[in-house]
Amino acid sequence: MRVPLDLWRITCADLIVRTAYQVGKTPLMPLFAASLGAGELLVGAIVSVSTMTGMVFKPIFGWLSDRWGRRLWLLAGLVLFSGVPFLYSWVNTPEELFALRLLHGLATAVFGPVSLAFVAEMAASGRAERLGWFGMARSGGYLLAPLMGAGLLTWLDPSTVFTLIGFASCLAFLPVCMMDFSRPWHKRGMEQEKELGRAWKSACSAVLSNSGLWLAGALEMLVYLVTYSIKAFMPLYALFVADFNLLAVGLFFTVQEAAHLAMRPLGGRLGDRVGYLTAINAGYFALVIGLLLLPYATAHAELLAIAVVLGAGQGLIFPSTVAFVSRCVDARHLGIGMGFLGAVRNFGKVAGPVGAGALLTRMDYSQVFHLGGVAALLVVMALLLLQRNYLEAIFLRAKLTTPSEDEAMLR
């Protein structure tokens, strides 16, 4: 597949801001929240609350980019990514940290759906593979950030680390300003619409009635529910229960995202060739194995092997779910479609840590990890049993017009 130059530019910008953003999340954020006096339930809420902003605003910003173009909103997202980190220096209580995390979530609420729509609409062919390459930026951030965060935290206080995050995020303006934002043809007619309320209602109706969007969103939500539970509580489990050190925690997340990074383009190509659902199901099976084995890891090598399995599972799933949605949603509503996908995905990011925190008040860590593995196994079994009849109904309603593409996604 020929890779457009703008794909590398948006990927570079995403790598910069996502890496900087993730430096402030794991393992820094749960440890920072705990140092301010937050209990386990509040730690889970603080780690996940920034995604609540995305649940509300991602569809709105995606829709606005459909109407007025991607450039304005990509730049707005960069302003938030680079400006908000400087405010962490004034945080003194868990409640203040909770409120600031809500504000910081606006950055991903703007940048996420708009950047995905920009990449998806570049060309119709090779969409999952292209999204897989773009997803490497996000995975690259997750790869570098945990180890960087753990290293910086051993030398600097959290406020200073967040200040460095703000300065680093400013570098992303350069590649974005070099991008070509020529508007696709379908936006010309939309600009003539005068009534925003009617246009918003029409777009929402078109997108929310699409069963394929809800299927892909549910599959992504469940993955994030599990993986964000691990992100929130793995540092506490490793340090205080399993007797691993802080470096092992950083290496776990780094290795997990390295596997995710390596698998994304391959997972996207697999989805394009053998069917999106087949790739997704393979990824879920990998998650089952990793979650069931995680409580039994007693050595560093075992822990890192599990990280590889979990990361590979994510790399198989995510390119195909996004490509699945881009095929189902009308091109005129691609931004809002990505926004609603992100909103459903963010529900998993919020519910995972909060739900795990609540479960940990009654269960131990091993039981919670096993519960996640059982949930993923149920998804695998359900997809194997239901994929043919259910997806045939979805694509009939979605009125997809290319039989070969429909057949590929049904496999």
Protein backbone atom coordinates (compact mmCIF):
# COMPACT_ATOMS: atom_id res chain seq x y z
CA MET A 1 0.00 0.00 0.00
CA ARG A 2 1.28 3.48 -0.95
CA VAL A 3 1.42 5.63 2.19
CA PRO A 4 0.34 9.30 1.66
CA LEU A 5 2.67 11.97 2.99
CA ASP A 6 -0.12 13.49 5.08
CA LEU A 7 -0.56 10.14 6.82
CA TRP A 8 3.00 10.41 8.10
CA ARG A 9 2.39 14.01 9.20
CA ILE A 10 -0.77 13.29 11.17
CA THR A 11 0.86 10.15 12.56
CA CYS A 12 3.86 12.19 13.73
CA ALA A 13 1.61 14.77 15.41
CA ASP A 14 -0.43 12.05 17.09
CA LEU A 15 2.72 10.33 18.32
CA ILE A 16 3.96 13.54 19.95
CA VAL A 17 0.76 14.47 21.78
CA ARG A 18 -0.22 10.93 22.72
CA THR A 19 3.22 10.15 24.11
CA ALA A 20 3.25 13.32 26.17
CA TYR A 21 -0.32 12.71 27.34
CA GLN A 22 0.40 9.12 28.35
CA VAL A 23 3.51 10.10 30.30
CA GLY A 24 1.09 11.78 32.68
CA LYS A 25 -1.18 8.74 33.01
CA THR A 26 0.58 5.46 33.80
CA PRO A 27 2.21 4.95 36.26
CA LEU A 28 2.36 8.67 37.20
CA MET A 29 -1.37 9.40 37.57
CA PRO A 30 -2.43 6.62 39.99
CA LEU A 31 0.66 7.22 42.13
CA PHE A 32 0.11 11.01 42.04
CA ALA A 33 -3.54 10.57 43.01
CA ALA A 34 -2.62 8.20 45.85
CA SER A 35 -0.01 10.69 47.13
CA LEU A 36 -2.78 13.32 47.39
CA GLY A 37 -4.78 10.98 49.62
CA ALA A 38 -7.12 9.29 47.11
CA GLY A 39 -8.40 5.81 47.94
CA GLU A 40 -8.62 2.95 45.45
CA LEU A 41 -12.10 3.87 44.18
CA LEU A 42 -11.14 7.53 43.76
CA VAL A 43 -7.87 6.54 42.06
CA GLY A 44 -9.87 4.58 39.50
CA ALA A 45 -12.20 7.55 38.99
CA ILE A 46 -9.32 10.01 38.53
CA VAL A 47 -7.51 7.79 36.03
CA SER A 48 -10.64 7.29 33.94
CA VAL A 49 -12.54 10.56 34.33
CA SER A 50 -10.82 12.36 31.45
CA THR A 51 -12.52 9.93 29.10
CA MET A 52 -15.96 11.02 30.37
CA THR A 53 -15.38 14.32 28.58
CA GLY A 54 -14.87 12.37 25.38
CA MET A 55 -18.08 10.42 25.88
CA VAL A 56 -20.03 13.68 25.68
CA PHE A 57 -18.02 15.78 23.24
CA LYS A 58 -16.42 13.41 20.71
CA PRO A 59 -19.55 13.11 18.56
CA ILE A 60 -20.03 16.89 18.64
CA PHE A 61 -16.49 17.73 17.56
CA GLY A 62 -16.55 14.98 14.94
CA TRP A 63 -19.75 16.45 13.50
CA LEU A 64 -18.33 19.99 13.53
CA SER A 65 -15.31 18.76 11.58
CA ASP A 66 -17.68 17.17 9.04
CA ARG A 67 -19.24 20.59 8.46
CA TRP A 68 -16.33 22.99 8.77
CA GLY A 69 -13.30 20.86 7.98
CA ARG A 70 -10.67 19.03 10.01
CA ARG A 71 -7.96 21.69 10.35
CA LEU A 72 -9.67 23.99 12.88
CA TRP A 73 -10.45 21.18 15.27
CA LEU A 74 -7.08 19.47 14.98
CA LEU A 75 -5.45 22.78 15.96
CA ALA A 76 -7.92 23.24 18.81
CA GLY A 77 -7.02 19.80 20.12
CA LEU A 78 -3.33 20.66 20.00
CA VAL A 79 -3.95 23.85 22.00
CA LEU A 80 -5.59 21.78 24.74
CA PHE A 81 -2.88 19.09 24.67
CA SER A 82 -0.14 21.70 25.10
CA GLY A 83 -1.90 24.13 27.47
CA VAL A 84 -3.66 22.07 30.14
CA PRO A 85 -0.55 20.25 31.51
CA PHE A 86 0.78 23.54 32.90
CA LEU A 87 -2.22 23.70 35.27
CA TYR A 88 -1.22 20.56 37.21
CA SER A 89 1.29 22.63 39.21
CA TRP A 90 -1.63 24.15 41.15
CA VAL A 91 -3.31 20.84 42.09
CA ASN A 92 -3.31 20.12 45.85
CA THR A 93 -6.27 17.77 46.48
CA PRO A 94 -7.78 14.69 44.81
CA GLU A 95 -10.91 16.72 44.01
CA GLU A 96 -8.89 19.35 42.14
CA LEU A 97 -7.08 16.61 40.23
CA PHE A 98 -10.42 15.03 39.32
CA ALA A 99 -11.72 18.35 37.92
CA LEU A 100 -8.53 19.02 35.93
CA ARG A 101 -8.64 15.54 34.42
CA LEU A 102 -12.13 16.34 33.14
CA LEU A 103 -10.77 19.43 31.38
CA HIS A 104 -7.75 17.58 30.00
CA GLY A 105 -10.09 15.04 28.43
CA LEU A 106 -11.25 17.72 25.98
CA ALA A 107 -7.93 17.35 24.16
CA THR A 108 -8.59 13.75 23.13
CA ALA A 109 -12.29 14.51 22.62
CA VAL A 110 -11.35 16.95 19.86
CA PHE A 111 -8.26 15.34 18.37
CA GLY A 112 -9.36 11.68 18.40
CA PRO A 113 -12.41 11.54 16.11
CA VAL A 114 -11.16 14.30 13.80
CA SER A 115 -7.80 12.64 13.17
CA LEU A 116 -9.42 9.23 12.60
CA ALA A 117 -11.88 10.71 10.10
CA PHE A 118 -9.03 12.50 8.31
CA VAL A 119 -7.12 9.23 7.90
CA ALA A 120 -10.14 7.09 6.99
CA GLU A 121 -11.28 9.39 4.16
CA MET A 122 -7.89 9.48 2.39
CA ALA A 123 -8.85 6.52 0.18
CA ALA A 124 -11.36 3.68 0.11
CA SER A 125 -8.88 0.82 -0.44
CA GLY A 126 -6.52 -0.48 2.23
CA ARG A 127 -8.44 1.36 4.93
CA ALA A 128 -7.78 -0.98 7.84
CA GLU A 129 -4.07 -1.21 7.03
CA ARG A 130 -3.82 2.59 6.78
CA LEU A 131 -5.62 2.94 10.11
CA GLY A 132 -3.25 0.32 11.48
CA TRP A 133 -0.24 2.42 10.50
CA PHE A 134 -1.86 5.52 12.00
CA GLY A 135 -2.65 3.57 15.14
CA MET A 136 1.07 2.94 15.54
CA ALA A 137 1.37 6.55 16.70
CA ARG A 138 -0.99 5.97 19.57
CA SER A 139 0.65 2.65 20.33
CA GLY A 140 4.05 4.31 20.10
CA GLY A 141 2.94 6.77 22.76
CA TYR A 142 1.83 3.94 25.03
CA LEU A 143 5.12 2.17 24.30
CA LEU A 144 7.39 5.05 25.26
CA ALA A 145 5.33 6.82 27.90
CA PRO A 146 5.16 4.33 30.82
CA LEU A 147 8.92 3.86 30.94
CA MET A 148 9.52 7.59 30.44
CA GLY A 149 7.00 8.43 33.15
CA ALA A 150 8.52 5.96 35.60
CA GLY A 151 12.01 7.29 34.85
CA LEU A 152 11.03 10.96 35.18
CA LEU A 153 9.13 10.26 38.38
CA THR A 154 12.26 8.88 40.03
CA TRP A 155 14.01 12.23 39.47
CA LEU A 156 11.28 14.87 39.35
CA ASP A 157 8.08 15.71 41.19
CA PRO A 158 4.76 15.25 39.33
CA SER A 159 4.23 18.99 38.75
CA THR A 160 7.55 19.33 36.95
CA VAL A 161 6.79 16.26 34.82
CA PHE A 162 3.49 17.82 33.72
CA THR A 163 5.27 21.05 32.79
CA LEU A 164 7.62 19.08 30.54
CA ILE A 165 4.57 17.38 29.02
CA GLY A 166 3.15 20.78 28.06
CA PHE A 167 6.34 21.91 26.33
CA ALA A 168 6.72 18.60 24.47
CA SER A 169 3.14 18.75 23.17
CA CYS A 170 3.83 22.08 21.45
CA LEU A 171 6.06 20.28 18.92
CA ALA A 172 3.00 18.69 17.30
CA PHE A 173 1.94 22.00 15.74
CA LEU A 174 4.69 21.72 13.11
CA PRO A 175 3.51 18.58 11.22
CA VAL A 176 -0.16 19.59 11.45
CA CYS A 177 0.52 23.01 9.92
CA MET A 178 2.23 21.27 6.97
CA MET A 179 -0.79 19.07 6.13
CA ASP A 180 -3.12 19.47 3.13
CA PHE A 181 -6.68 20.07 4.30
CA SER A 182 -8.43 20.16 0.92
CA ARG A 183 -11.99 19.29 1.69
CA PRO A 184 -13.66 16.16 0.30
CA TRP A 185 -16.51 16.74 -2.13
CA HIS A 186 -19.30 15.77 0.24
CA LYS A 187 -18.77 18.80 2.50
CA ARG A 188 -19.74 21.37 -0.12
CA GLY A 189 -23.45 20.74 0.18
CA MET A 190 -23.28 20.61 3.95
CA GLU A 191 -21.85 24.12 4.18
CA GLN A 192 -25.08 25.47 2.64
CA GLU A 193 -27.21 24.18 5.49
CA LYS A 194 -28.33 27.06 7.71
CA GLU A 195 -30.08 25.32 10.59
CA LEU A 196 -27.51 23.67 12.83
CA GLY A 197 -30.14 21.98 14.95
CA ARG A 198 -31.75 20.24 11.98
CA ALA A 199 -28.36 19.25 10.57
CA TRP A 200 -27.24 17.83 13.93
CA LYS A 201 -30.46 15.85 14.33
CA SER A 202 -30.18 14.47 10.80
CA ALA A 203 -26.56 13.41 11.28
CA CYS A 204 -27.28 11.78 14.64
CA SER A 205 -30.23 9.89 13.23
CA ALA A 206 -28.19 8.59 10.31
CA VAL A 207 -25.32 7.44 12.50
CA LEU A 208 -27.18 6.11 15.54
CA SER A 209 -29.43 3.91 13.40
CA ASN A 210 -26.37 2.10 12.03
CA SER A 211 -26.09 -1.31 13.71
CA GLY A 212 -22.54 -1.81 12.50
CA LEU A 213 -21.42 1.23 14.49
CA TRP A 214 -22.91 -0.16 17.69
CA LEU A 215 -21.40 -3.59 17.15
CA ALA A 216 -17.91 -2.17 16.60
CA GLY A 217 -18.36 0.22 19.52
CA ALA A 218 -19.39 -2.58 21.87
CA LEU A 219 -16.40 -4.69 20.84
CA GLU A 220 -13.99 -1.80 21.41
CA MET A 221 -15.69 -0.83 24.67
CA LEU A 222 -15.15 -4.27 26.15
CA VAL A 223 -11.47 -4.24 25.23
CA TYR A 224 -10.95 -0.87 26.87
CA LEU A 225 -12.97 -1.90 29.90
CA VAL A 226 -10.44 -4.67 30.53
CA THR A 227 -7.22 -2.93 29.47
CA TYR A 228 -7.92 0.31 31.34
CA SER A 229 -8.64 -1.65 34.50
CA ILE A 230 -5.14 -3.07 34.12
CA LYS A 231 -3.67 0.38 33.48
CA ALA A 232 -5.29 1.78 36.60
CA PHE A 233 -4.47 -0.99 39.05
CA MET A 234 -1.48 -2.86 37.66
CA PRO A 235 0.95 -0.43 39.38
CA LEU A 236 -0.72 -1.01 42.75
CA TYR A 237 -1.02 -4.78 42.20
CA ALA A 238 2.57 -5.16 41.05
CA LEU A 239 4.10 -3.04 43.82
CA PHE A 240 1.99 -4.05 46.81
CA VAL A 241 0.69 -7.56 46.03
CA ALA A 242 2.93 -9.32 43.49
CA ASP A 243 6.19 -7.80 44.83
CA PHE A 244 7.41 -6.36 41.51
CA ASN A 245 9.30 -3.05 41.41
CA LEU A 246 8.42 0.22 39.68
CA LEU A 247 10.70 -0.53 36.73
CA ALA A 248 8.89 -3.84 36.13
CA VAL A 249 5.59 -1.93 35.99
CA GLY A 250 6.98 0.47 33.41
CA LEU A 251 8.42 -2.41 31.37
CA PHE A 252 5.09 -4.28 31.45
CA PHE A 253 3.21 -1.40 29.84
CA THR A 254 6.07 -0.63 27.47
CA VAL A 255 6.28 -4.24 26.24
CA GLN A 256 2.49 -4.46 25.98
CA GLU A 257 2.39 -1.40 23.74
CA ALA A 258 5.42 -2.59 21.76
CA ALA A 259 3.47 -5.73 20.84
CA HIS A 260 0.42 -3.58 20.11
CA LEU A 261 2.55 -1.29 17.94
CA ALA A 262 4.07 -4.16 15.95
CA MET A 263 0.76 -5.94 15.45
CA ARG A 264 -1.38 -2.98 14.31
CA PRO A 265 -0.35 -2.83 10.62
CA LEU A 266 -0.36 -6.64 10.43
CA GLY A 267 -3.73 -6.77 12.15
CA GLY A 268 -5.10 -4.16 9.74
CA ARG A 269 -3.82 -6.07 6.72
CA LEU A 270 -5.27 -9.29 8.14
CA GLY A 271 -8.66 -7.59 8.56
CA ASP A 272 -8.57 -6.27 4.97
CA ARG A 273 -7.77 -9.73 3.60
CA VAL A 274 -9.61 -12.29 5.74
CA GLY A 275 -12.42 -10.19 7.20
CA TYR A 276 -12.71 -7.71 10.03
CA LEU A 277 -14.62 -9.99 12.37
CA THR A 278 -12.10 -12.80 12.00
CA ALA A 279 -9.25 -10.49 13.02
CA ILE A 280 -11.28 -9.12 15.94
CA ASN A 281 -12.10 -12.59 17.22
CA ALA A 282 -8.45 -13.64 17.06
CA GLY A 283 -7.55 -10.59 19.11
CA TYR A 284 -10.17 -11.37 21.74
CA PHE A 285 -8.82 -14.91 22.07
CA ALA A 286 -5.37 -13.47 22.82
CA LEU A 287 -6.91 -11.26 25.54
CA VAL A 288 -8.51 -14.32 27.13
CA ILE A 289 -5.14 -16.06 27.40
CA GLY A 290 -3.35 -13.02 28.82
CA LEU A 291 -5.99 -12.16 31.43
CA LEU A 292 -6.33 -15.70 32.73
CA LEU A 293 -2.55 -16.09 33.11
CA LEU A 294 -1.78 -12.63 34.58
CA PRO A 295 -2.38 -13.50 38.28
CA TYR A 296 0.05 -16.43 38.03
CA ALA A 297 3.05 -14.39 36.86
CA THR A 298 5.79 -14.52 39.50
CA ALA A 299 8.89 -13.71 37.44
CA HIS A 300 9.70 -10.74 35.21
CA ALA A 301 9.90 -12.91 32.08
CA GLU A 302 6.42 -14.33 32.72
CA LEU A 303 4.99 -10.86 33.28
CA LEU A 304 6.50 -9.54 30.05
CA ALA A 305 5.30 -12.57 28.05
CA ILE A 306 1.75 -11.85 29.20
CA ALA A 307 2.23 -8.20 28.19
CA VAL A 308 3.13 -9.38 24.65
CA VAL A 309 -0.03 -11.50 24.40
CA LEU A 310 -2.29 -8.67 25.61
CA GLY A 311 -0.68 -6.14 23.26
CA ALA A 312 -0.96 -8.46 20.25
CA GLY A 313 -4.64 -8.93 20.98
CA GLN A 314 -5.24 -5.18 20.93
CA GLY A 315 -3.30 -4.83 17.68
CA LEU A 316 -5.55 -7.40 16.00
CA ILE A 317 -8.78 -5.78 17.18
CA PHE A 318 -8.54 -2.01 16.84
CA PRO A 319 -7.69 -1.45 13.13
CA SER A 320 -10.55 -3.72 12.08
CA THR A 321 -13.15 -2.12 14.36
CA VAL A 322 -12.39 1.38 13.03
CA ALA A 323 -12.29 0.21 9.40
CA PHE A 324 -15.55 -1.64 10.02
CA VAL A 325 -17.22 1.62 11.08
CA SER A 326 -15.75 3.62 8.19
CA ARG A 327 -17.31 1.11 5.76
CA CYS A 328 -20.71 1.23 7.45
CA VAL A 329 -21.08 5.00 7.96
CA ASP A 330 -21.98 7.41 5.15
CA ALA A 331 -18.95 9.47 4.07
CA ARG A 332 -20.85 12.68 4.84
CA HIS A 333 -21.05 11.66 8.50
CA LEU A 334 -17.66 10.03 8.95
CA GLY A 335 -16.48 12.50 11.61
CA ILE A 336 -19.57 12.12 13.78
CA GLY A 337 -19.45 8.36 13.26
CA MET A 338 -15.89 8.26 14.60
CA GLY A 339 -17.03 10.53 17.42
CA PHE A 340 -19.79 8.17 18.49
CA LEU A 341 -17.39 5.22 18.21
CA GLY A 342 -15.01 7.12 20.48
CA ALA A 343 -17.82 7.91 22.93
CA VAL A 344 -18.78 4.24 23.25
CA ARG A 345 -15.09 3.34 23.52
CA ASN A 346 -14.63 5.93 26.27
CA PHE A 347 -17.45 4.40 28.26
CA GLY A 348 -15.27 1.31 28.53
CA LYS A 349 -12.31 3.44 29.60
CA VAL A 350 -14.40 4.98 32.37
CA ALA A 351 -16.32 1.90 33.45
CA GLY A 352 -13.24 -0.33 33.53
CA PRO A 353 -11.19 1.40 36.25
CA VAL A 354 -14.26 2.50 38.24
CA GLY A 355 -15.82 -0.96 38.04
CA ALA A 356 -12.54 -2.66 38.92
CA GLY A 357 -12.10 -0.29 41.86
CA ALA A 358 -15.57 -1.22 43.10
CA LEU A 359 -14.91 -4.95 42.61
CA LEU A 360 -11.64 -4.68 44.52
CA THR A 361 -13.56 -3.62 47.62
CA ARG A 362 -15.03 -7.17 47.67
CA MET A 363 -12.61 -9.29 45.59
CA ASP A 364 -8.86 -9.71 45.29
CA TYR A 365 -6.82 -8.80 42.21
CA SER A 366 -6.64 -12.38 40.90
CA GLN A 367 -10.40 -12.73 40.92
CA VAL A 368 -10.86 -9.44 39.07
CA PHE A 369 -8.34 -10.43 36.36
CA HIS A 370 -10.02 -13.83 35.95
CA LEU A 371 -13.40 -12.16 35.67
CA GLY A 372 -12.08 -10.04 32.79
CA GLY A 373 -10.76 -13.17 31.06
CA VAL A 374 -14.11 -14.91 31.36
CA ALA A 375 -15.90 -11.86 29.91
CA ALA A 376 -13.54 -11.84 26.91
CA LEU A 377 -14.09 -15.58 26.42
CA LEU A 378 -17.85 -15.04 26.34
CA VAL A 379 -17.34 -12.45 23.59
CA VAL A 380 -15.32 -14.94 21.52
CA MET A 381 -18.00 -17.60 21.90
CA ALA A 382 -20.81 -15.16 21.09
CA LEU A 383 -19.10 -13.92 17.93
CA LEU A 384 -18.43 -17.45 16.73
CA LEU A 385 -22.07 -18.39 17.25
CA LEU A 386 -23.78 -15.25 15.98
CA GLN A 387 -21.51 -13.58 13.41
CA ARG A 388 -23.07 -14.89 10.22
CA ASN A 389 -26.77 -14.20 10.82
CA TYR A 390 -26.28 -10.98 12.78
CA LEU A 391 -23.82 -9.38 10.40
CA GLU A 392 -25.91 -10.27 7.38
CA ALA A 393 -28.74 -8.28 8.95
CA ILE A 394 -26.42 -5.38 9.76
CA PHE A 395 -25.09 -4.99 6.25
CA LEU A 396 -28.51 -5.39 4.72
CA ARG A 397 -29.71 -2.42 6.77
CA ALA A 398 -26.53 -0.47 6.14
CA LYS A 399 -27.10 -0.97 2.37
CA LEU A 400 -23.48 -1.70 1.59
CA THR A 401 -23.23 -1.93 -2.16
CA THR A 402 -20.07 -3.94 -2.83
CA PRO A 403 -20.79 -7.67 -2.38
CA SER A 404 -17.12 -8.62 -2.22
CA GLU A 405 -16.51 -6.17 0.63
CA ASP A 406 -19.60 -7.37 2.51
CA GLU A 407 -18.47 -10.98 2.18
CA ALA A 408 -14.97 -10.13 3.39
CA MET A 409 -16.28 -8.44 6.52
CA LEU A 410 -18.63 -11.32 7.29
CA ARG A 411 -15.84 -13.90 7.50
